[in-house]
Protein backbone atom coordinates (compact mmCIF):
# COMPACT_ATOMS: atom_id res chain seq x y z
CA PHE A 1 9.44 0.84 6.68
CA LEU A 2 5.78 1.68 6.80
CA TYR A 3 5.15 -0.63 9.74
CA PHE A 4 7.98 0.86 11.80
CA ARG A 5 6.99 4.40 10.89
CA LEU A 6 3.44 3.83 12.05
CA PHE A 7 4.48 2.32 15.33
CA THR A 8 7.07 4.97 16.10
CA ASP A 9 4.33 7.60 15.75
CA LEU A 10 1.86 5.51 17.74
CA GLU A 11 2.17 7.41 21.03
CA ARG A 12 1.54 10.73 19.30
CA ASP A 13 -1.45 9.23 17.47
CA LYS A 14 -2.85 7.80 20.71
CA LYS A 15 -2.75 11.23 22.32
CA GLN A 16 -4.51 12.73 19.32
CA TYR A 17 -7.17 10.01 19.46
CA GLU A 18 -7.69 10.62 23.19
CA MET A 19 -8.20 14.33 22.56
CA LEU A 20 -10.55 13.69 19.64
CA SER A 21 -12.52 11.09 21.57
CA LYS A 22 -13.16 13.68 24.27
CA ILE A 23 -14.92 15.85 21.71
CA GLY A 24 -16.96 12.98 20.30
CA LEU A 25 -14.90 10.86 17.87
CA THR A 26 -16.25 7.31 17.97
CA GLN A 27 -14.31 4.09 17.43
CA LYS A 28 -16.17 3.58 14.15
CA GLU A 29 -14.99 6.96 12.91
CA LEU A 30 -11.46 6.22 14.10
CA LYS A 31 -11.46 2.94 12.17
CA ARG A 32 -12.66 4.72 9.03
CA ILE A 33 -9.97 7.41 9.33
CA VAL A 34 -7.19 4.88 10.00
CA THR A 35 -8.39 2.71 7.12
CA GLN A 36 -8.27 5.65 4.72
CA GLN A 37 -4.84 6.79 5.86
CA LEU A 38 -3.34 3.30 5.74
CA SER A 39 -4.88 2.65 2.34
CA ILE A 40 -3.15 5.71 0.96
CA LEU A 41 0.16 4.83 2.61
CA CYS A 42 0.07 1.20 1.47
CA PHE A 43 -1.43 1.33 -2.00
CA ILE A 44 -0.34 4.60 -3.62
CA PRO A 45 3.35 3.55 -3.72
CA ILE A 46 2.54 0.17 -5.27
CA ILE A 47 0.22 1.75 -7.84
CA VAL A 48 2.95 4.21 -8.83
CA ALA A 49 5.46 1.35 -8.99
CA ILE A 50 3.16 -0.71 -11.22
CA ILE A 51 2.65 2.22 -13.61
CA HIS A 52 6.38 2.89 -13.69
CA SER A 53 7.22 -0.77 -14.23
CA SER A 54 4.60 -1.13 -16.96
CA VAL A 55 6.08 1.73 -18.93
CA ALA A 56 9.60 0.32 -18.48
CA LEU A 57 8.52 -3.18 -19.53
CA MET A 58 6.72 -1.86 -22.62
CA ALA A 59 9.85 0.07 -23.56
CA LEU A 60 11.97 -3.04 -23.02
CA GLN A 61 9.63 -5.14 -25.13
CA TYR A 62 9.72 -2.55 -27.91
CA LEU A 63 13.53 -2.31 -27.86
CA VAL A 64 14.06 -6.08 -27.87
CA GLN A 65 11.54 -6.57 -30.65
CA ARG A 66 12.99 -3.77 -32.77
CA LYS A 67 16.71 -4.52 -32.25
CA ALA A 68 16.80 -8.30 -31.96
CA GLY A 69 13.60 -9.14 -33.76
CA VAL A 70 12.54 -11.35 -30.86
CA ASP A 71 8.97 -11.27 -29.65
CA LEU A 72 9.27 -10.91 -25.87
CA PRO A 73 5.90 -11.62 -24.24
CA VAL A 74 5.95 -9.57 -21.05
CA THR A 75 2.28 -8.71 -20.70
CA GLY A 76 1.06 -12.00 -19.24
CA ASN A 77 3.99 -12.39 -16.89
CA SER A 78 3.76 -8.76 -15.81
CA ILE A 79 0.08 -9.09 -14.93
CA LEU A 80 0.82 -12.22 -12.89
CA ILE A 81 3.66 -10.53 -11.01
CA PHE A 82 1.73 -7.29 -10.42
CA THR A 83 -1.28 -9.22 -9.16
CA SER A 84 0.95 -11.19 -6.80
CA PHE A 85 2.47 -8.00 -5.42
CA ILE A 86 -0.96 -6.43 -4.92
CA LEU A 87 -2.23 -9.52 -3.07
CA VAL A 88 0.82 -9.61 -0.80
CA GLN A 89 0.47 -5.88 -0.17
CA PHE A 90 -3.24 -6.32 0.61
CA PHE A 91 -2.56 -9.02 3.22
CA TYR A 92 0.23 -6.90 4.68
CA TYR A 93 -2.21 -3.97 4.83
CA LEU A 94 -4.81 -6.06 6.69
CA ILE A 95 -2.23 -7.16 9.27
CA ILE A 96 -0.92 -3.62 9.79
CA ARG A 97 -4.44 -2.19 10.07
CA ARG A 98 -5.53 -4.78 12.63
CA ASN A 99 -2.41 -4.33 14.79
CA TYR A 100 -2.47 -0.54 14.53
CA LEU A 101 -6.15 -0.28 15.46
CA HIS A 102 -5.64 -2.70 18.32
CA GLN A 103 -2.82 -0.55 19.69
CA MET A 104 -4.75 2.70 19.15
CA ILE A 105 -7.88 1.52 20.97
CA GLN A 106 -6.00 0.10 23.98
């Protein structure tokens, strides 16, 4: 969804960049601005999801341990899964950033 949203707004963003470049915005500054905006768009949702999932998994572990008396080790598996999601999201972010900057500068 993020990828398609960015590229549907691309023409509007190109026009804004053209106007800003006329008053002195450099490509380096554009890259910094795009990097910040994409970082927020890509990583805030996954951070919120990880916090939400962590709370839910701790509650699940507590309920299973209290009701069934079974020790359910979710911490190690959760860290592995969360790390995997962050790595995939990071690579996705790099690809989106490269393509978006390429389109903006053209």
